[in-house]
């Protein structure tokens, strides 16, 4: 029987995402100047205030205030009427040194035996319903806000947009678990004040339908057939949305973990990503399991795959690896047998994850908005400034866990052509 499934996304200006982006900017700066940095940094943002807290073990010294302000400026909080503005907000740092009790469980004389930074379980997921092996509802929800942010920055076709926004997409699936149409789209976007609420609602709804949606249909032709006149739209359904961002709602690092991953598809182990260096398996192993799931599906082992890995703090070898293909396997093997082969192909000890995916490089700011998964793998050069004004250029490879570099190995291991 057909069913509906919904996923949501939030913009880079959403308060929780502001916090994530500041935390990950700190991670990048620490790793740029000291690749062996151990960092767990949380950020709180509210009206006119940023609070940084966490634990660090690093040889690098950073101007955390400037880093935070640069992130806020880049997002677009640059006007005093937002009640949260890059140059004027207070930035309080309560960052201190990492506990030696934790550090002794991670660091080993033999790097290969590096222990997991914490206990827990992590999940990776992939499906062949989109070209990037992501759930379609989440991919569409991200796309809506990416293009809305682009329109805000261009400031030509739509001139009243402010940084905070949310989206939600409801899809209808058929009896074969394939998406067939968009049932509903919800968009709530922060905006400048209008003369009347009626004028505001009319203008925003019209612009979303006649500017944003056609832009997406043109720019992403693979999604064109999902859009039609029967879609139910809810545009700023509560009405006025002038007060937003950290002034409208306090933001905290790590509160959008489902937006960050698969939009409610598959599963989630519960650990957030942003603000954590790769010794924290909450982050690194979640990337590694996505890498496994994507390569399994791309290789044709299954149409859909969920991969779980679990760890004990201070122990290198995982407690276990689990694979669920939801009955979509294209090989004559049980999910348990598939799991055994996966464990032989992918070394899931923390050190090898870091090496395989190049995680001790400053690649994390780009992950902190619009999802950590399903993104474009590319090589770029980033520039970092030390407190004394010196610049450091670092060439990095982004989203390495999205590479299909293990497809050949997977096909060989599963005897697929």
Protein backbone atom coordinates (compact mmCIF):
# COMPACT_ATOMS: atom_id res chain seq x y z
CA UNK A 1 0.00 0.00 0.00
CA UNK A 2 1.39 3.49 -0.86
CA UNK A 3 2.64 5.56 2.08
CA UNK A 4 3.95 9.03 2.89
CA UNK A 5 7.40 9.85 4.30
CA UNK A 6 8.67 13.25 5.44
CA UNK A 7 12.10 14.80 6.01
CA UNK A 8 13.12 18.30 7.06
CA UNK A 9 16.12 20.58 6.70
CA UNK A 10 17.23 23.88 8.23
CA UNK A 11 19.27 26.72 6.73
CA UNK A 12 22.76 27.87 7.68
CA UNK A 13 21.10 30.75 9.54
CA UNK A 14 19.09 28.48 11.84
CA UNK A 15 20.43 29.00 15.39
CA UNK A 16 21.45 25.38 15.89
CA UNK A 17 23.31 25.45 12.58
CA UNK A 18 25.02 28.72 13.51
CA UNK A 19 26.34 26.89 16.57
CA UNK A 20 27.43 23.88 14.49
CA UNK A 21 29.29 26.08 12.01
CA UNK A 22 31.19 27.93 14.73
CA UNK A 23 32.18 24.66 16.41
CA UNK A 24 33.40 23.18 13.12
CA UNK A 25 35.29 26.36 12.20
CA UNK A 26 37.20 25.95 15.46
CA UNK A 27 37.92 22.29 14.60
CA UNK A 28 39.26 23.31 11.19
CA UNK A 29 41.52 25.99 12.61
CA UNK A 30 42.95 23.65 15.24
CA UNK A 31 43.61 20.93 12.63
CA UNK A 32 45.11 23.42 10.17
CA UNK A 33 47.82 24.41 12.64
CA UNK A 34 48.09 21.09 14.52
CA UNK A 35 46.68 18.02 12.72
CA UNK A 36 46.94 15.95 15.90
CA UNK A 37 44.65 18.26 17.87
CA UNK A 38 42.05 16.62 20.09
CA UNK A 39 38.98 18.85 20.29
CA UNK A 40 35.42 18.69 21.59
CA UNK A 41 33.89 22.14 21.28
CA UNK A 42 30.29 23.13 21.99
CA UNK A 43 28.74 26.46 21.04
CA UNK A 44 25.66 28.25 22.40
CA UNK A 45 24.18 31.25 20.58
CA UNK A 46 21.43 33.54 21.80
CA UNK A 47 20.48 37.22 21.63
CA UNK A 48 23.74 39.11 21.19
CA UNK A 49 25.84 36.33 22.72
CA UNK A 50 28.07 33.41 21.73
CA UNK A 51 29.37 31.01 24.39
CA UNK A 52 32.16 28.56 23.55
CA UNK A 53 32.88 25.62 25.83
CA UNK A 54 34.80 22.39 25.49
CA UNK A 55 38.04 20.49 25.84
CA UNK A 56 41.15 20.83 23.70
CA UNK A 57 44.61 19.25 23.54
CA UNK A 58 46.61 21.07 20.88
CA UNK A 59 49.81 22.99 20.21
CA UNK A 60 47.81 25.57 18.25
CA UNK A 61 46.71 28.88 19.74
CA UNK A 62 43.64 30.47 18.15
CA UNK A 63 41.80 33.78 18.24
CA UNK A 64 38.45 32.10 18.88
CA UNK A 65 36.55 35.41 18.94
CA UNK A 66 37.61 36.33 15.43
CA UNK A 67 36.86 32.83 14.14
CA UNK A 68 33.33 32.94 15.59
CA UNK A 69 32.66 36.43 14.24
CA UNK A 70 33.88 35.46 10.75
CA UNK A 71 31.46 32.52 10.68
CA UNK A 72 28.52 34.69 11.77
CA UNK A 73 29.42 37.30 9.14
CA UNK A 74 29.63 34.67 6.38
CA UNK A 75 26.20 33.29 7.31
CA UNK A 76 24.69 36.75 6.94
CA UNK A 77 24.02 38.09 10.43
CA UNK A 78 25.40 41.55 9.63
CA UNK A 79 22.58 43.92 10.65
CA UNK A 80 21.82 45.27 14.11
CA UNK A 81 18.06 44.74 13.67
CA UNK A 82 18.69 40.98 13.70
CA UNK A 83 19.65 41.37 17.41
CA UNK A 84 22.55 39.03 16.68
CA UNK A 85 25.28 40.62 14.62
CA UNK A 86 28.82 39.51 13.80
CA UNK A 87 30.74 42.59 14.95
CA UNK A 88 28.75 43.48 18.05
CA UNK A 89 27.79 40.16 19.67
CA UNK A 90 29.65 39.08 22.78
CA UNK A 91 31.89 36.01 22.51
CA UNK A 92 32.70 34.18 25.75
CA UNK A 93 35.20 31.31 25.77
CA UNK A 94 35.23 28.59 28.43
CA UNK A 95 37.44 26.18 26.48
CA UNK A 96 39.91 24.22 28.63
CA UNK A 97 42.37 21.34 28.31
CA UNK A 98 41.17 17.84 27.53
CA UNK A 99 41.04 15.37 30.41
CA UNK A 100 44.18 13.17 30.55
CA UNK A 101 41.90 10.30 31.56
CA UNK A 102 40.24 10.42 28.15
CA UNK A 103 43.48 11.09 26.26
CA UNK A 104 45.20 8.01 27.70
CA UNK A 105 42.43 5.83 26.30
CA UNK A 106 42.88 7.19 22.79
CA UNK A 107 46.63 7.73 22.28
CA UNK A 108 48.82 4.63 21.80
CA UNK A 109 52.54 4.14 21.06
CA UNK A 110 51.46 2.10 18.05
CA UNK A 111 49.18 4.46 16.08
CA UNK A 112 47.34 1.53 14.52
CA UNK A 113 46.01 0.60 17.95
CA UNK A 114 44.54 4.06 18.62
CA UNK A 115 41.49 3.55 20.81
CA UNK A 116 38.01 4.85 20.14
CA UNK A 117 37.39 8.27 21.73
CA UNK A 118 34.13 7.06 23.25
CA UNK A 119 31.75 4.14 23.38
CA UNK A 120 28.62 4.05 21.26
CA UNK A 121 27.10 2.90 18.01
CA UNK A 122 27.12 4.70 14.67
CA UNK A 123 25.06 4.17 11.52
CA UNK A 124 25.55 4.74 7.82
CA UNK A 125 22.85 4.49 5.18
CA UNK A 126 22.49 4.55 1.40
CA UNK A 127 19.69 4.03 -1.11
CA UNK A 128 19.64 3.99 -4.89
CA UNK A 129 16.56 6.23 -5.10
CA UNK A 130 18.78 9.26 -5.92
CA UNK A 131 22.00 9.79 -7.89
CA UNK A 132 23.92 10.61 -4.70
CA UNK A 133 22.49 7.57 -2.87
CA UNK A 134 20.58 9.72 -0.38
CA UNK A 135 16.90 9.59 0.66
CA UNK A 136 14.99 11.80 -1.77
CA UNK A 137 12.87 13.68 0.79
CA UNK A 138 15.95 14.94 2.64
CA UNK A 139 17.82 15.73 -0.57
CA UNK A 140 14.92 17.88 -1.75
CA UNK A 141 14.58 19.58 1.65
CA UNK A 142 18.29 20.52 1.56
CA UNK A 143 18.05 21.69 -2.05
CA UNK A 144 15.15 24.04 -1.30
CA UNK A 145 17.17 25.82 1.38
CA UNK A 146 20.46 25.86 -0.54
CA UNK A 147 18.74 27.68 -3.40
CA UNK A 148 16.80 29.95 -1.03
CA UNK A 149 20.10 30.99 0.56
CA UNK A 150 21.56 31.60 -2.89
CA UNK A 151 18.62 33.89 -3.72
CA UNK A 152 19.17 35.75 -0.43
CA UNK A 153 22.83 36.36 -1.20
CA UNK A 154 22.15 37.41 -4.78
CA UNK A 155 19.60 39.92 -3.42
CA UNK A 156 18.08 40.49 -6.86
CA UNK A 157 14.87 38.52 -7.36
CA UNK A 158 13.99 38.31 -3.66
CA UNK A 159 15.28 41.15 -1.48
CA UNK A 160 13.56 40.67 1.88
CA UNK A 161 15.05 37.35 3.00
CA UNK A 162 16.87 36.94 6.31
CA UNK A 163 19.22 34.02 7.20
CA UNK A 164 16.94 31.74 9.26
CA UNK A 165 14.78 29.19 7.39
CA UNK A 166 13.36 25.67 7.56
CA UNK A 167 11.96 23.29 4.95
CA UNK A 168 10.04 20.03 4.95
CA UNK A 169 9.18 17.64 2.12
CA UNK A 170 6.59 14.86 2.18
CA UNK A 171 6.87 12.17 -0.51
CA UNK A 172 4.50 9.45 -1.59
CA UNK A 173 6.07 6.01 -2.05
CA UNK A 174 4.50 3.17 -4.04
CA UNK A 175 4.15 -0.51 -3.10
CA UNK A 176 7.73 -1.13 -4.25
CA UNK A 177 9.12 1.51 -1.86
CA UNK A 178 9.91 3.87 -4.73
CA UNK A 179 9.14 7.62 -4.50
CA UNK A 180 6.56 8.65 -7.06
CA UNK A 181 5.55 12.23 -6.25
CA UNK A 182 5.89 15.15 -3.85
CA UNK A 183 2.79 15.37 -1.70
CA UNK A 184 3.62 18.51 0.31
CA UNK A 185 6.29 21.16 0.77
CA UNK A 186 6.66 23.33 3.88
CA UNK A 187 8.93 26.40 3.87
CA UNK A 188 9.29 28.88 6.71
CA UNK A 189 11.68 31.71 5.96
CA UNK A 190 12.72 34.67 8.07
CA UNK A 191 12.06 37.99 6.36
CA UNK A 192 12.18 41.76 6.70
CA UNK A 193 9.10 43.50 8.09
CA UNK A 194 6.19 44.19 5.70
CA UNK A 195 3.47 46.86 5.86
CA UNK A 196 0.83 44.21 6.55
CA UNK A 197 0.89 40.50 7.31
CA UNK A 198 -1.51 39.82 4.43
CA UNK A 199 0.84 41.51 1.95
CA UNK A 200 3.78 39.62 3.41
CA UNK A 201 2.17 36.17 3.14
CA UNK A 202 0.98 36.80 -0.41
CA UNK A 203 4.38 38.05 -1.59
CA UNK A 204 6.43 35.26 0.01
CA UNK A 205 4.13 32.49 -1.24
CA UNK A 206 4.18 33.89 -4.76
CA UNK A 207 7.99 34.20 -4.78
CA UNK A 208 8.50 30.67 -3.48
CA UNK A 209 6.20 29.21 -6.15
CA UNK A 210 7.29 31.37 -9.10
CA UNK A 211 10.98 31.97 -8.37
CA UNK A 212 12.39 29.31 -6.04
CA UNK A 213 10.59 26.21 -7.37
CA UNK A 214 11.22 26.95 -11.10
CA UNK A 215 14.87 27.60 -10.25
CA UNK A 216 15.15 24.15 -8.65
CA UNK A 217 13.35 22.42 -11.53
CA UNK A 218 15.74 24.06 -14.00
CA UNK A 219 18.92 23.51 -11.99
CA UNK A 220 18.15 19.94 -10.89
CA UNK A 221 16.51 18.22 -13.90
CA UNK A 222 16.58 14.82 -12.17
CA UNK A 223 13.87 16.14 -9.82
CA UNK A 224 11.70 17.78 -12.48
CA UNK A 225 9.13 14.98 -12.76
CA UNK A 226 8.40 15.10 -9.01
CA UNK A 227 7.04 18.66 -9.24
CA UNK A 228 3.45 19.30 -10.34
CA UNK A 229 0.49 21.58 -9.66
CA UNK A 230 -1.02 19.15 -7.14
CA UNK A 231 1.67 19.72 -4.48
CA UNK A 232 0.31 21.17 -1.23
CA UNK A 233 2.38 24.19 -0.16
CA UNK A 234 2.56 25.63 3.35
CA UNK A 235 4.60 28.83 3.15
CA UNK A 236 5.31 30.54 6.49
CA UNK A 237 2.22 28.81 7.91
CA UNK A 238 2.44 30.60 11.29
CA UNK A 239 2.43 33.99 9.56
CA UNK A 240 4.99 36.64 10.47
CA UNK A 241 8.63 35.47 10.83
CA UNK A 242 10.68 38.64 11.35
CA UNK A 243 12.26 37.62 14.67
CA UNK A 244 14.50 34.64 14.02
CA UNK A 245 18.00 33.28 14.29
CA UNK A 246 19.67 33.25 17.72
CA UNK A 247 17.44 36.15 18.84
CA UNK A 248 14.30 34.12 18.21
CA UNK A 249 15.59 30.79 19.49
CA UNK A 250 18.74 29.78 21.36
CA UNK A 251 21.02 27.55 19.28
CA UNK A 252 23.24 24.70 20.47
CA UNK A 253 25.80 22.49 18.75
CA UNK A 254 24.53 19.03 17.86
CA UNK A 255 20.76 19.52 17.94
CA UNK A 256 20.11 18.75 14.27
CA UNK A 257 21.52 15.24 13.98
CA UNK A 258 18.73 13.91 11.75
CA UNK A 259 19.07 16.87 9.37
CA UNK A 260 22.81 16.14 9.39
CA UNK A 261 22.35 12.50 8.35
CA UNK A 262 19.42 10.85 6.54
CA UNK A 263 16.27 12.76 7.43
CA UNK A 264 14.85 9.94 9.54
CA UNK A 265 15.61 7.14 7.07
CA UNK A 266 17.81 4.31 8.26
CA UNK A 267 18.88 4.90 11.86
CA UNK A 268 21.01 7.16 14.06
CA UNK A 269 23.27 6.25 16.98
CA UNK A 270 22.52 9.49 18.82
CA UNK A 271 25.93 11.17 18.75
CA UNK A 272 26.35 14.58 17.10
CA UNK A 273 29.17 15.39 14.67
CA UNK A 274 30.04 19.08 14.75
CA UNK A 275 32.70 20.27 17.17
CA UNK A 276 34.44 16.89 17.38
CA UNK A 277 37.84 15.93 16.00
CA UNK A 278 38.00 12.56 14.17
CA UNK A 279 39.25 10.60 17.20
CA UNK A 280 35.62 10.83 18.31
CA UNK A 281 34.01 7.86 16.59
CA UNK A 282 30.61 9.58 16.83
CA UNK A 283 31.87 11.49 13.84
CA UNK A 284 34.52 9.42 12.08
CA UNK A 285 32.72 6.08 12.26
CA UNK A 286 29.45 7.66 11.07
CA UNK A 287 31.33 8.87 8.00
CA UNK A 288 32.97 5.46 7.58
CA UNK A 289 29.65 3.59 7.74
CA UNK A 290 28.15 5.98 5.16
CA UNK A 291 31.17 5.21 2.96
CA UNK A 292 30.53 1.48 3.36
CA UNK A 293 26.77 1.71 2.74
CA UNK A 294 27.21 3.90 -0.36
CA UNK A 295 29.82 1.60 -1.90
CA UNK A 296 27.69 -1.48 -1.16
CA UNK A 297 24.69 0.01 -2.96
CA UNK A 298 26.75 1.45 -5.82
CA UNK A 299 28.40 -1.95 -6.32
CA UNK A 300 24.98 -3.60 -6.60
CA UNK A 301 25.14 -5.67 -3.42
CA UNK A 302 21.74 -4.21 -2.42
CA UNK A 303 19.34 -1.42 -3.40
CA UNK A 304 19.33 -0.10 0.16
CA UNK A 305 21.77 -0.63 3.02
CA UNK A 306 22.09 0.31 6.68
CA UNK A 307 25.45 -0.30 8.36
CA UNK A 308 26.05 -0.18 12.11
CA UNK A 309 29.37 -0.23 13.95
CA UNK A 310 29.91 -0.06 17.73
CA UNK A 311 32.88 0.69 19.98
CA UNK A 312 34.14 0.62 23.55
CA UNK A 313 36.11 3.67 24.69
CA UNK A 314 39.85 3.15 24.41
CA UNK A 315 39.48 -0.04 22.34
CA UNK A 316 40.52 -0.06 18.68
CA UNK A 317 38.63 -3.04 17.30
CA UNK A 318 34.86 -2.49 16.95
CA UNK A 319 32.47 -4.46 19.14
CA UNK A 320 30.62 -5.48 16.01
CA UNK A 321 29.49 -4.61 12.48
CA UNK A 322 25.88 -5.07 11.37
CA UNK A 323 24.35 -4.73 7.90
CA UNK A 324 20.64 -4.58 7.05
CA UNK A 325 19.64 -4.63 3.38
CA UNK A 326 15.88 -4.49 4.08
CA UNK A 327 15.29 -7.46 1.81
CA UNK A 328 16.83 -5.69 -1.21
CA UNK A 329 20.05 -7.75 -1.43
CA UNK A 330 21.09 -8.77 -4.94
CA UNK A 331 23.44 -11.50 -3.70
CA UNK A 332 22.60 -14.96 -2.39
CA UNK A 333 23.80 -14.14 1.12
CA UNK A 334 22.15 -13.35 4.43
CA UNK A 335 22.69 -9.92 5.97
CA UNK A 336 24.90 -11.60 8.56
CA UNK A 337 27.09 -13.07 5.83
CA UNK A 338 27.23 -9.68 4.12
CA UNK A 339 28.38 -8.15 7.43
CA UNK A 340 31.23 -10.67 7.69
CA UNK A 341 32.51 -9.77 4.21
CA UNK A 342 32.20 -6.04 4.95
CA UNK A 343 34.38 -6.49 8.03
CA UNK A 344 37.05 -8.11 5.84
CA UNK A 345 37.01 -5.32 3.23
CA UNK A 346 36.85 -2.26 5.51
CA UNK A 347 39.19 -1.86 8.50
CA UNK A 348 37.05 -0.01 11.04
CA UNK A 349 39.71 0.67 13.65
CA UNK A 350 39.75 4.45 14.33
CA UNK A 351 43.29 5.05 13.01
CA UNK A 352 42.50 3.36 9.70
CA UNK A 353 39.25 5.29 9.33
CA UNK A 354 41.16 8.54 9.82
CA UNK A 355 43.77 7.52 7.25
CA UNK A 356 41.33 6.11 4.69
CA UNK A 357 39.08 9.16 4.73
CA UNK A 358 41.81 11.80 5.35
CA UNK A 359 40.01 13.05 8.44
CA UNK A 360 42.92 14.84 10.14
CA UNK A 361 42.63 17.74 7.72
CA UNK A 362 40.50 20.91 8.07
CA UNK A 363 37.45 19.70 6.13
CA UNK A 364 34.66 20.20 8.62
CA UNK A 365 33.25 23.72 8.14
CA UNK A 366 31.73 22.57 4.85
CA UNK A 367 29.83 19.77 6.61
CA UNK A 368 28.11 21.98 9.18
CA UNK A 369 25.11 23.09 7.08
CA UNK A 370 22.90 21.22 4.59
CA UNK A 371 23.95 17.75 5.68
CA UNK A 372 27.14 15.79 6.21
CA UNK A 373 26.14 13.07 3.72
CA UNK A 374 25.36 13.10 0.02
CA UNK A 375 27.66 16.05 -0.65
CA UNK A 376 30.12 16.65 -3.49
CA UNK A 377 33.60 15.18 -3.12
CA UNK A 378 36.14 17.78 -4.30
CA UNK A 379 39.63 19.14 -3.66
CA UNK A 380 39.95 22.79 -2.62
CA UNK A 381 42.51 25.10 -1.02
CA UNK A 382 41.58 26.79 2.26
CA UNK A 383 43.31 29.71 3.92
CA UNK A 384 43.68 30.06 7.70
CA UNK A 385 45.04 32.97 9.74
CA UNK A 386 46.97 32.62 12.98
CA UNK A 387 46.52 35.23 15.75
CA UNK A 388 49.79 36.90 14.66
CA UNK A 389 48.34 37.49 11.18
CA UNK A 390 50.26 34.80 9.30
CA UNK A 391 48.34 32.90 6.61
CA UNK A 392 48.47 29.17 6.07
CA UNK A 393 47.15 27.59 2.87
CA UNK A 394 45.97 23.99 3.12
CA UNK A 395 44.89 21.80 0.20
CA UNK A 396 42.14 19.46 1.38
CA UNK A 397 39.77 16.86 -0.03
CA UNK A 398 36.16 17.36 1.08
CA UNK A 399 33.58 14.66 1.75
CA UNK A 400 35.92 11.72 1.17
CA UNK A 401 33.28 9.37 2.58
CA UNK A 402 31.16 10.09 -0.52
CA UNK A 403 33.75 8.57 -2.87
CA UNK A 404 32.92 5.35 -4.70
CA UNK A 405 36.54 4.23 -4.47
CA UNK A 406 35.72 0.84 -2.94
CA UNK A 407 33.19 -0.32 -5.55
CA UNK A 408 35.75 -2.51 -7.34
CA UNK A 409 36.92 -4.08 -4.06
CA UNK A 410 33.32 -4.68 -2.97
CA UNK A 411 32.39 -6.29 -6.28
CA UNK A 412 35.42 -8.57 -6.05
CA UNK A 413 34.62 -9.54 -2.46
CA UNK A 414 31.00 -10.34 -3.36
CA UNK A 415 31.89 -11.94 -6.72
CA UNK A 416 29.88 -9.38 -8.68
CA UNK A 417 30.64 -8.37 -12.26
